[in-house]
Amino acid sequence: MLMRLTMEADHPPLIYLGPDDPLPPAEAAWDHNCGVPGLLAAGGGLSVDRLREAYSKGCFPWFSLGQPVLWWSPDPRMVLQTANFKFHRSLRQWMKFYKPQIRIDTAFDEVIEHCARAPRPGQNGTWIVPDMVHAYKALHAAGLAHSVETWIDGRLCGGLYCVCLGRAVFGESMFSLVPNGSKIALASLVAFCKAHHISAIDCQQNTSHLASMGAGEVSRADFLRHIKTVQALPPVRWDFDPLYWSELST
């Protein structure tokens, strides 16, 4: 099992949601004195409306097979400020050699299925269970989830998928079939965001990989203030212009 709930720890009662129950506010998530800090609620399903509500409130689903849907809002939150992105020289050189093509939303189903199968260090399973795959495909059909894809010689070699409400962008998962395939997808997402004056990409939880690319932790309170403002902005058109790469040279 990917994660185990430490129910022996002292914590408030876990809220179980019915299909029509609203999510509690993110601030109600368990704190660091509990066995699983950041856990907010369970149940409630994964409908498009539920996912839209969750992201608008700064929450996301994360659970493994055999568990109910679990909703999380960690504090602090890992966020990549696009101005802080580290476009390493080795990645620039890799791009010049392989000349990848960036596409958006041409292979969403393939991207999320690759992400679900991708091995993760320190994990013996995946949180992208079949119900999650189905839910995010529906979210993509609703225009709220997007794939950013790295193609080389007509082959999908890496990518990521994310959620976007207005101009609030929430990264979800990445995969690579070749070295740097996912890093190029992330770099192109940063370039896209900078071109559209999107200042931050939610990365949910701290990892050394994300930190190496420039992501850092912010308080939940700051994160919630940010998404409240930017999700009310007009949405952007999700396509990639190679001119966006110039955003990473400034």
C-alpha atoms as a PDB file:
ATOM      1  CA  MET A   1       0.000   0.000   0.000  1.00  0.00           C
ATOM      2  CA  LEU A   2       1.356   3.405  -0.965  1.00  0.00           C
ATOM      3  CA  MET A   3       0.464   5.059   2.322  1.00  0.00           C
ATOM      4  CA  ARG A   4      -0.842   3.943   5.678  1.00  0.00           C
ATOM      5  CA  LEU A   5      -3.000   6.061   7.934  1.00  0.00           C
ATOM      6  CA  THR A   6      -1.559   6.138  11.431  1.00  0.00           C
ATOM      7  CA  MET A   7      -4.884   6.025  13.196  1.00  0.00           C
ATOM      8  CA  GLU A   8      -3.274   5.444  16.579  1.00  0.00           C
ATOM      9  CA  ALA A   9      -1.975   9.017  16.648  1.00  0.00           C
ATOM     10  CA  ASP A  10      -3.904  11.759  18.388  1.00  0.00           C
ATOM     11  CA  HIS A  11      -5.974  13.641  15.846  1.00  0.00           C
ATOM     12  CA  PRO A  12      -9.447  15.103  15.349  1.00  0.00           C
ATOM     13  CA  PRO A  13     -12.109  12.819  13.871  1.00  0.00           C
ATOM     14  CA  LEU A  14     -11.717  12.358  10.123  1.00  0.00           C
ATOM     15  CA  ILE A  15     -14.613  13.878   8.179  1.00  0.00           C
ATOM     16  CA  TYR A  16     -16.283  11.442   5.753  1.00  0.00           C
ATOM     17  CA  LEU A  17     -18.114  13.156   2.903  1.00  0.00           C
ATOM     18  CA  GLY A  18     -21.289  12.133   1.163  1.00  0.00           C
ATOM     19  CA  PRO A  19     -21.645  12.839  -2.569  1.00  0.00           C
ATOM     20  CA  ASP A  20     -23.255  16.232  -1.954  1.00  0.00           C
ATOM     21  CA  ASP A  21     -21.324  17.318   1.145  1.00  0.00           C
ATOM     22  CA  PRO A  22     -18.945  20.257   0.638  1.00  0.00           C
ATOM     23  CA  LEU A  23     -15.288  19.869   1.473  1.00  0.00           C
ATOM     24  CA  PRO A  24     -14.296  21.509   4.741  1.00  0.00           C
ATOM     25  CA  PRO A  25     -11.951  24.498   4.525  1.00  0.00           C
ATOM     26  CA  ALA A  26      -8.312  23.654   3.924  1.00  0.00           C
ATOM     27  CA  GLU A  27      -7.373  25.108   7.311  1.00  0.00           C
ATOM     28  CA  ALA A  28      -9.225  22.195   8.949  1.00  0.00           C
ATOM     29  CA  ALA A  29      -6.602  19.693   7.741  1.00  0.00           C
ATOM     30  CA  TRP A  30      -4.725  17.735  10.403  1.00  0.00           C
ATOM     31  CA  ASP A  31      -1.594  19.474  11.618  1.00  0.00           C
ATOM     32  CA  HIS A  32       1.894  18.183  12.369  1.00  0.00           C
ATOM     33  CA  ASN A  33       0.836  16.884  15.775  1.00  0.00           C
ATOM     34  CA  CYS A  34      -1.193  14.203  13.969  1.00  0.00           C
ATOM     35  CA  GLY A  35       0.134  11.052  12.403  1.00  0.00           C
ATOM     36  CA  VAL A  36      -0.729  12.198   8.865  1.00  0.00           C
ATOM     37  CA  PRO A  37      -0.468  16.006   8.649  1.00  0.00           C
ATOM     38  CA  GLY A  38      -2.360  17.604   5.806  1.00  0.00           C
ATOM     39  CA  LEU A  39      -5.211  15.064   5.724  1.00  0.00           C
ATOM     40  CA  LEU A  40      -8.503  16.912   5.416  1.00  0.00           C
ATOM     41  CA  ALA A  41     -11.360  14.519   4.647  1.00  0.00           C
ATOM     42  CA  ALA A  42     -12.339  11.204   3.047  1.00  0.00           C
ATOM     43  CA  GLY A  43     -14.960  10.144   0.535  1.00  0.00           C
ATOM     44  CA  GLY A  44     -17.184  12.329  -1.578  1.00  0.00           C
ATOM     45  CA  GLY A  45     -16.257  10.885  -4.958  1.00  0.00           C
ATOM     46  CA  LEU A  46     -14.155  12.256  -7.810  1.00  0.00           C
ATOM     47  CA  SER A  47     -16.683  13.956 -10.048  1.00  0.00           C
ATOM     48  CA  VAL A  48     -15.660  16.925 -12.183  1.00  0.00           C
ATOM     49  CA  ASP A  49     -17.569  19.236  -9.846  1.00  0.00           C
ATOM     50  CA  ARG A  50     -15.857  17.722  -6.789  1.00  0.00           C
ATOM     51  CA  LEU A  51     -12.399  18.110  -8.297  1.00  0.00           C
ATOM     52  CA  ARG A  52     -13.142  21.692  -9.340  1.00  0.00           C
ATOM     53  CA  GLU A  53     -14.293  22.438  -5.792  1.00  0.00           C
ATOM     54  CA  ALA A  54     -11.222  20.796  -4.269  1.00  0.00           C
ATOM     55  CA  TYR A  55      -8.648  22.660  -6.341  1.00  0.00           C
ATOM     56  CA  SER A  56     -10.478  25.942  -5.856  1.00  0.00           C
ATOM     57  CA  LYS A  57     -10.127  25.378  -2.089  1.00  0.00           C
ATOM     58  CA  GLY A  58      -6.461  24.365  -2.227  1.00  0.00           C
ATOM     59  CA  CYS A  59      -7.061  20.613  -1.802  1.00  0.00           C
ATOM     60  CA  PHE A  60      -6.208  17.566  -3.880  1.00  0.00           C
ATOM     61  CA  PRO A  61      -6.969  13.822  -3.808  1.00  0.00           C
ATOM     62  CA  TRP A  62      -4.272  11.268  -2.965  1.00  0.00           C
ATOM     63  CA  PHE A  63      -4.966   7.681  -1.993  1.00  0.00           C
ATOM     64  CA  SER A  64      -4.013   4.145  -2.924  1.00  0.00           C
ATOM     65  CA  LEU A  65      -5.927   1.017  -3.858  1.00  0.00           C
ATOM     66  CA  GLY A  66      -8.174  -0.201  -1.073  1.00  0.00           C
ATOM     67  CA  GLN A  67      -8.523   3.231   0.525  1.00  0.00           C
ATOM     68  CA  PRO A  68     -11.386   5.698   0.233  1.00  0.00           C
ATOM     69  CA  VAL A  69     -10.789   8.937  -1.638  1.00  0.00           C
ATOM     70  CA  LEU A  70      -8.572  11.016   0.659  1.00  0.00           C
ATOM     71  CA  TRP A  71      -8.345  14.805   0.435  1.00  0.00           C
ATOM     72  CA  TRP A  72      -5.199  16.704   1.423  1.00  0.00           C
ATOM     73  CA  SER A  73      -4.025  20.263   2.009  1.00  0.00           C
ATOM     74  CA  PRO A  74      -0.456  20.201   3.342  1.00  0.00           C
ATOM     75  CA  ASP A  75       1.172  23.068   5.206  1.00  0.00           C
ATOM     76  CA  PRO A  76       3.645  24.156   3.990  1.00  0.00           C
ATOM     77  CA  ARG A  77       2.908  23.747   0.287  1.00  0.00           C
ATOM     78  CA  MET A  78       5.556  23.125  -2.378  1.00  0.00           C
ATOM     79  CA  VAL A  79       5.269  25.763  -5.107  1.00  0.00           C
ATOM     80  CA  LEU A  80       7.409  26.559  -8.128  1.00  0.00           C
ATOM     81  CA  GLN A  81       7.566  30.303  -8.610  1.00  0.00           C
ATOM     82  CA  THR A  82       8.133  30.558 -12.352  1.00  0.00           C
ATOM     83  CA  ALA A  83      10.680  33.341 -11.847  1.00  0.00           C
ATOM     84  CA  ASN A  84      12.772  30.913  -9.756  1.00  0.00           C
ATOM     85  CA  PHE A  85      12.822  28.048 -12.252  1.00  0.00           C
ATOM     86  CA  LYS A  86      16.330  26.676 -12.826  1.00  0.00           C
ATOM     87  CA  PHE A  87      16.806  25.947 -16.520  1.00  0.00           C
ATOM     88  CA  HIS A  88      20.092  24.137 -16.111  1.00  0.00           C
ATOM     89  CA  ARG A  89      22.759  24.375 -18.791  1.00  0.00           C
ATOM     90  CA  SER A  90      22.772  20.589 -19.256  1.00  0.00           C
ATOM     91  CA  LEU A  91      19.055  20.716 -20.076  1.00  0.00           C
ATOM     92  CA  ARG A  92      19.610  23.480 -22.628  1.00  0.00           C
ATOM     93  CA  GLN A  93      22.315  21.399 -24.270  1.00  0.00           C
ATOM     94  CA  TRP A  94      20.055  18.337 -24.309  1.00  0.00           C
ATOM     95  CA  MET A  95      17.376  20.377 -26.062  1.00  0.00           C
ATOM     96  CA  LYS A  96      19.788  21.623 -28.708  1.00  0.00           C
ATOM     97  CA  PHE A  97      20.902  18.064 -29.462  1.00  0.00           C
ATOM     98  CA  TYR A  98      17.520  16.269 -29.504  1.00  0.00           C
ATOM     99  CA  LYS A  99      15.338  19.182 -30.692  1.00  0.00           C
ATOM    100  CA  PRO A 100      12.141  18.056 -28.926  1.00  0.00           C
ATOM    101  CA  GLN A 101       8.726  19.240 -30.036  1.00  0.00           C
ATOM    102  CA  ILE A 102       6.337  20.433 -27.327  1.00  0.00           C
ATOM    103  CA  ARG A 103       2.659  19.709 -27.709  1.00  0.00           C
ATOM    104  CA  ILE A 104      -0.236  20.439 -25.372  1.00  0.00           C
ATOM    105  CA  ASP A 105      -3.371  18.304 -24.998  1.00  0.00           C
ATOM    106  CA  THR A 106      -2.700  16.036 -27.977  1.00  0.00           C
ATOM    107  CA  ALA A 107      -2.213  12.858 -25.920  1.00  0.00           C
ATOM    108  CA  PHE A 108      -3.706  13.441 -22.474  1.00  0.00           C
ATOM    109  CA  ASP A 109      -4.856   9.843 -22.029  1.00  0.00           C
ATOM    110  CA  GLU A 110      -1.396   8.497 -22.886  1.00  0.00           C
ATOM    111  CA  VAL A 111       0.293  10.951 -20.544  1.00  0.00           C
ATOM    112  CA  ILE A 112      -1.794  10.111 -17.486  1.00  0.00           C
ATOM    113  CA  GLU A 113      -1.542   6.382 -18.192  1.00  0.00           C
ATOM    114  CA  HIS A 114       2.250   6.656 -18.446  1.00  0.00           C
ATOM    115  CA  CYS A 115       2.277   8.621 -15.179  1.00  0.00           C
ATOM    116  CA  ALA A 116       0.208   5.888 -13.520  1.00  0.00           C
ATOM    117  CA  ARG A 117       2.708   3.220 -14.604  1.00  0.00           C
ATOM    118  CA  ALA A 118       5.885   5.168 -13.878  1.00  0.00           C
ATOM    119  CA  PRO A 119       7.981   3.716 -11.025  1.00  0.00           C
ATOM    120  CA  ARG A 120       8.500   6.089  -8.097  1.00  0.00           C
ATOM    121  CA  PRO A 121      11.542   5.828  -5.784  1.00  0.00           C
ATOM    122  CA  GLY A 122      10.498   4.696  -2.328  1.00  0.00           C
ATOM    123  CA  GLN A 123       6.975   3.710  -3.391  1.00  0.00           C
ATOM    124  CA  ASN A 124       5.670   0.191  -3.971  1.00  0.00           C
ATOM    125  CA  GLY A 125       2.523   1.315  -5.758  1.00  0.00           C
ATOM    126  CA  THR A 126       0.838   4.254  -7.395  1.00  0.00           C
ATOM    127  CA  TRP A 127      -1.588   6.879  -6.172  1.00  0.00           C
ATOM    128  CA  ILE A 128      -2.833   7.297  -9.766  1.00  0.00           C
ATOM    129  CA  VAL A 129      -5.271   4.409  -9.353  1.00  0.00           C
ATOM    130  CA  PRO A 130      -7.858   3.579 -12.052  1.00  0.00           C
ATOM    131  CA  ASP A 131     -10.512   5.793 -10.441  1.00  0.00           C
ATOM    132  CA  MET A 132      -8.097   8.727 -10.548  1.00  0.00           C
ATOM    133  CA  VAL A 133      -7.236   8.078 -14.195  1.00  0.00           C
ATOM    134  CA  HIS A 134     -10.926   8.030 -15.104  1.00  0.00           C
ATOM    135  CA  ALA A 135     -11.625  11.182 -13.059  1.00  0.00           C
ATOM    136  CA  TYR A 136      -8.827  13.252 -14.586  1.00  0.00           C
ATOM    137  CA  LYS A 137      -9.731  12.161 -18.102  1.00  0.00           C
ATOM    138  CA  ALA A 138     -13.200  13.533 -17.367  1.00  0.00           C
ATOM    139  CA  LEU A 139     -11.626  16.718 -15.980  1.00  0.00           C
ATOM    140  CA  HIS A 140      -9.609  17.026 -19.198  1.00  0.00           C
ATOM    141  CA  ALA A 141     -12.783  16.619 -21.260  1.00  0.00           C
ATOM    142  CA  ALA A 142     -14.258  19.462 -19.204  1.00  0.00           C
ATOM    143  CA  GLY A 143     -11.299  21.685 -20.156  1.00  0.00           C
ATOM    144  CA  LEU A 144      -9.773  21.847 -16.673  1.00  0.00           C
ATOM    145  CA  ALA A 145      -6.896  19.354 -16.948  1.00  0.00           C
ATOM    146  CA  HIS A 146      -4.092  19.571 -19.505  1.00  0.00           C
ATOM    147  CA  SER A 147      -1.129  17.552 -20.707  1.00  0.00           C
ATOM    148  CA  VAL A 148       2.241  19.030 -21.655  1.00  0.00           C
ATOM    149  CA  GLU A 149       4.097  16.587 -23.876  1.00  0.00           C
ATOM    150  CA  THR A 150       7.692  16.098 -25.020  1.00  0.00           C
ATOM    151  CA  TRP A 151       7.877  14.537 -28.503  1.00  0.00           C
ATOM    152  CA  ILE A 152      11.064  13.452 -30.307  1.00  0.00           C
ATOM    153  CA  ASP A 153      10.934  12.164 -33.897  1.00  0.00           C
ATOM    154  CA  GLY A 154       7.184  11.660 -33.641  1.00  0.00           C
ATOM    155  CA  ARG A 155       7.366   9.685 -30.383  1.00  0.00           C
ATOM    156  CA  LEU A 156       5.972  10.706 -27.001  1.00  0.00           C
ATOM    157  CA  CYS A 157       9.026  10.646 -24.733  1.00  0.00           C
ATOM    158  CA  GLY A 158       7.874  12.415 -21.596  1.00  0.00           C
ATOM    159  CA  GLY A 159       5.261  14.710 -20.198  1.00  0.00           C
ATOM    160  CA  LEU A 160       3.158  15.907 -17.333  1.00  0.00           C
ATOM    161  CA  TYR A 161      -0.432  16.734 -16.585  1.00  0.00           C
ATOM    162  CA  CYS A 162      -1.854  19.571 -14.552  1.00  0.00           C
ATOM    163  CA  VAL A 163      -5.085  21.251 -13.523  1.00  0.00           C
ATOM    164  CA  CYS A 164      -5.871  24.884 -14.297  1.00  0.00           C
ATOM    165  CA  LEU A 165      -8.598  27.114 -12.848  1.00  0.00           C
ATOM    166  CA  GLY A 166      -8.417  30.597 -14.300  1.00  0.00           C
ATOM    167  CA  ARG A 167      -4.686  31.201 -13.987  1.00  0.00           C
ATOM    168  CA  ALA A 168      -4.093  28.932 -11.023  1.00  0.00           C
ATOM    169  CA  VAL A 169      -1.981  26.001 -12.224  1.00  0.00           C
ATOM    170  CA  PHE A 170      -1.693  22.818 -10.180  1.00  0.00           C
ATOM    171  CA  GLY A 171       0.953  20.292 -11.249  1.00  0.00           C
ATOM    172  CA  GLU A 172       0.021  16.660 -10.803  1.00  0.00           C
ATOM    173  CA  SER A 173       2.485  14.093 -12.143  1.00  0.00           C
ATOM    174  CA  MET A 174       5.288  13.601 -14.673  1.00  0.00           C
ATOM    175  CA  PHE A 175       6.866  10.714 -16.563  1.00  0.00           C
ATOM    176  CA  SER A 176       9.914  10.120 -18.764  1.00  0.00           C
ATOM    177  CA  LEU A 177      10.632   7.447 -21.332  1.00  0.00           C
ATOM    178  CA  VAL A 178      14.021   9.038 -22.087  1.00  0.00           C
ATOM    179  CA  PRO A 179      16.390  10.994 -19.845  1.00  0.00           C
ATOM    180  CA  ASN A 180      15.105  14.547 -19.286  1.00  0.00           C
ATOM    181  CA  GLY A 181      11.756  13.934 -20.971  1.00  0.00           C
ATOM    182  CA  SER A 182       9.776  15.124 -17.967  1.00  0.00           C
ATOM    183  CA  LYS A 183      12.179  17.978 -17.193  1.00  0.00           C
ATOM    184  CA  ILE A 184      11.675  19.376 -20.691  1.00  0.00           C
ATOM    185  CA  ALA A 185       7.905  19.151 -20.212  1.00  0.00           C
ATOM    186  CA  LEU A 186       8.215  21.060 -16.932  1.00  0.00           C
ATOM    187  CA  ALA A 187      10.488  23.663 -18.529  1.00  0.00           C
ATOM    188  CA  SER A 188       7.969  24.161 -21.329  1.00  0.00           C
ATOM    189  CA  LEU A 189       5.137  24.527 -18.801  1.00  0.00           C
ATOM    190  CA  VAL A 190       7.166  27.215 -17.018  1.00  0.00           C
ATOM    191  CA  ALA A 191       7.800  28.990 -20.330  1.00  0.00           C
ATOM    192  CA  PHE A 192       4.082  28.779 -21.152  1.00  0.00           C
ATOM    193  CA  CYS A 193       3.142  30.145 -17.743  1.00  0.00           C
ATOM    194  CA  LYS A 194       5.602  33.022 -17.925  1.00  0.00           C
ATOM    195  CA  ALA A 195       4.290  33.948 -21.372  1.00  0.00           C
ATOM    196  CA  HIS A 196       0.784  34.145 -19.884  1.00  0.00           C
ATOM    197  CA  HIS A 197       1.832  35.987 -16.712  1.00  0.00           C
ATOM    198  CA  ILE A 198       1.225  32.964 -14.486  1.00  0.00           C
ATOM    199  CA  SER A 199       3.612  33.367 -11.588  1.00  0.00           C
ATOM    200  CA  ALA A 200       3.385  30.035  -9.771  1.00  0.00           C
ATOM    201  CA  ILE A 201       2.809  26.309 -10.304  1.00  0.00           C
ATOM    202  CA  ASP A 202       1.574  24.218  -7.382  1.00  0.00           C
ATOM    203  CA  CYS A 203       3.763  21.172  -6.778  1.00  0.00           C
ATOM    204  CA  GLN A 204       1.854  19.926  -3.710  1.00  0.00           C
ATOM    205  CA  GLN A 205       4.619  18.244  -1.706  1.00  0.00           C
ATOM    206  CA  ASN A 206       8.339  18.736  -1.215  1.00  0.00           C
ATOM    207  CA  THR A 207      10.722  16.538  -3.190  1.00  0.00           C
ATOM    208  CA  SER A 208      14.438  16.978  -3.838  1.00  0.00           C
ATOM    209  CA  HIS A 209      13.789  16.773  -7.595  1.00  0.00           C
ATOM    210  CA  LEU A 210      11.374  19.714  -7.526  1.00  0.00           C
ATOM    211  CA  ALA A 211      13.672  21.672  -5.220  1.00  0.00           C
ATOM    212  CA  SER A 212      16.531  21.181  -7.716  1.00  0.00           C
ATOM    213  CA  MET A 213      14.351  22.832 -10.363  1.00  0.00           C
ATOM    214  CA  GLY A 214      13.678  25.871  -8.189  1.00  0.00           C
ATOM    215  CA  ALA A 215      10.530  24.971  -6.238  1.00  0.00           C
ATOM    216  CA  GLY A 216      10.217  25.933  -2.584  1.00  0.00           C
ATOM    217  CA  GLU A 217       7.787  25.816   0.301  1.00  0.00           C
ATOM    218  CA  VAL A 218       5.195  28.471   1.090  1.00  0.00           C
ATOM    219  CA  SER A 219       2.694  28.563   3.916  1.00  0.00           C
ATOM    220  CA  ARG A 220      -0.775  27.213   3.288  1.00  0.00           C
ATOM    221  CA  ALA A 221      -2.188  30.651   4.107  1.00  0.00           C
ATOM    222  CA  ASP A 222      -0.064  32.314   1.421  1.00  0.00           C
ATOM    223  CA  PHE A 223      -0.912  29.588  -1.068  1.00  0.00           C
ATOM    224  CA  LEU A 224      -4.642  29.951  -0.464  1.00  0.00           C
ATOM    225  CA  ARG A 225      -4.456  33.724  -0.854  1.00  0.00           C
ATOM    226  CA  HIS A 226      -2.630  33.293  -4.147  1.00  0.00           C
ATOM    227  CA  ILE A 227      -5.030  30.808  -5.725  1.00  0.00           C
ATOM    228  CA  LYS A 228      -8.065  32.788  -4.583  1.00  0.00           C
ATOM    229  CA  THR A 229      -6.791  35.744  -6.590  1.00  0.00           C
ATOM    230  CA  VAL A 230      -5.522  34.044  -9.743  1.00  0.00           C
ATOM    231  CA  GLN A 231      -8.300  31.516 -10.273  1.00  0.00           C
ATOM    232  CA  ALA A 232     -10.656  34.475 -10.779  1.00  0.00           C
ATOM    233  CA  LEU A 233      -8.572  35.707 -13.748  1.00  0.00           C
ATOM    234  CA  PRO A 234      -9.588  34.914 -17.341  1.00  0.00           C
ATOM    235  CA  PRO A 235      -8.416  31.474 -18.519  1.00  0.00           C
ATOM    236  CA  VAL A 236      -5.642  31.118 -21.073  1.00  0.00           C
ATOM    237  CA  ARG A 237      -5.583  29.208 -24.332  1.00  0.00           C
ATOM    238  CA  TRP A 238      -3.605  26.011 -23.890  1.00  0.00           C
ATOM    239  CA  ASP A 239      -1.284  25.648 -26.848  1.00  0.00           C
ATOM    240  CA  PHE A 240       2.493  25.976 -27.121  1.00  0.00           C
ATOM    241  CA  ASP A 241       4.325  28.457 -29.315  1.00  0.00           C
ATOM    242  CA  PRO A 242       8.093  27.829 -29.661  1.00  0.00           C
ATOM    243  CA  LEU A 243       8.542  31.555 -29.079  1.00  0.00           C
ATOM    244  CA  TYR A 244       7.669  30.858 -25.437  1.00  0.00           C
ATOM    245  CA  TRP A 245      11.152  29.384 -24.941  1.00  0.00           C
ATOM    246  CA  SER A 246      12.502  32.939 -24.968  1.00  0.00           C
ATOM    247  CA  GLU A 247      10.786  33.407 -21.586  1.00  0.00           C
ATOM    248  CA  LEU A 248      13.440  31.203 -20.010  1.00  0.00           C
ATOM    249  CA  SER A 249      16.298  33.385 -21.199  1.00  0.00           C
ATOM    250  CA  THR A 250      15.105  36.377 -19.178  1.00  0.00           C
END
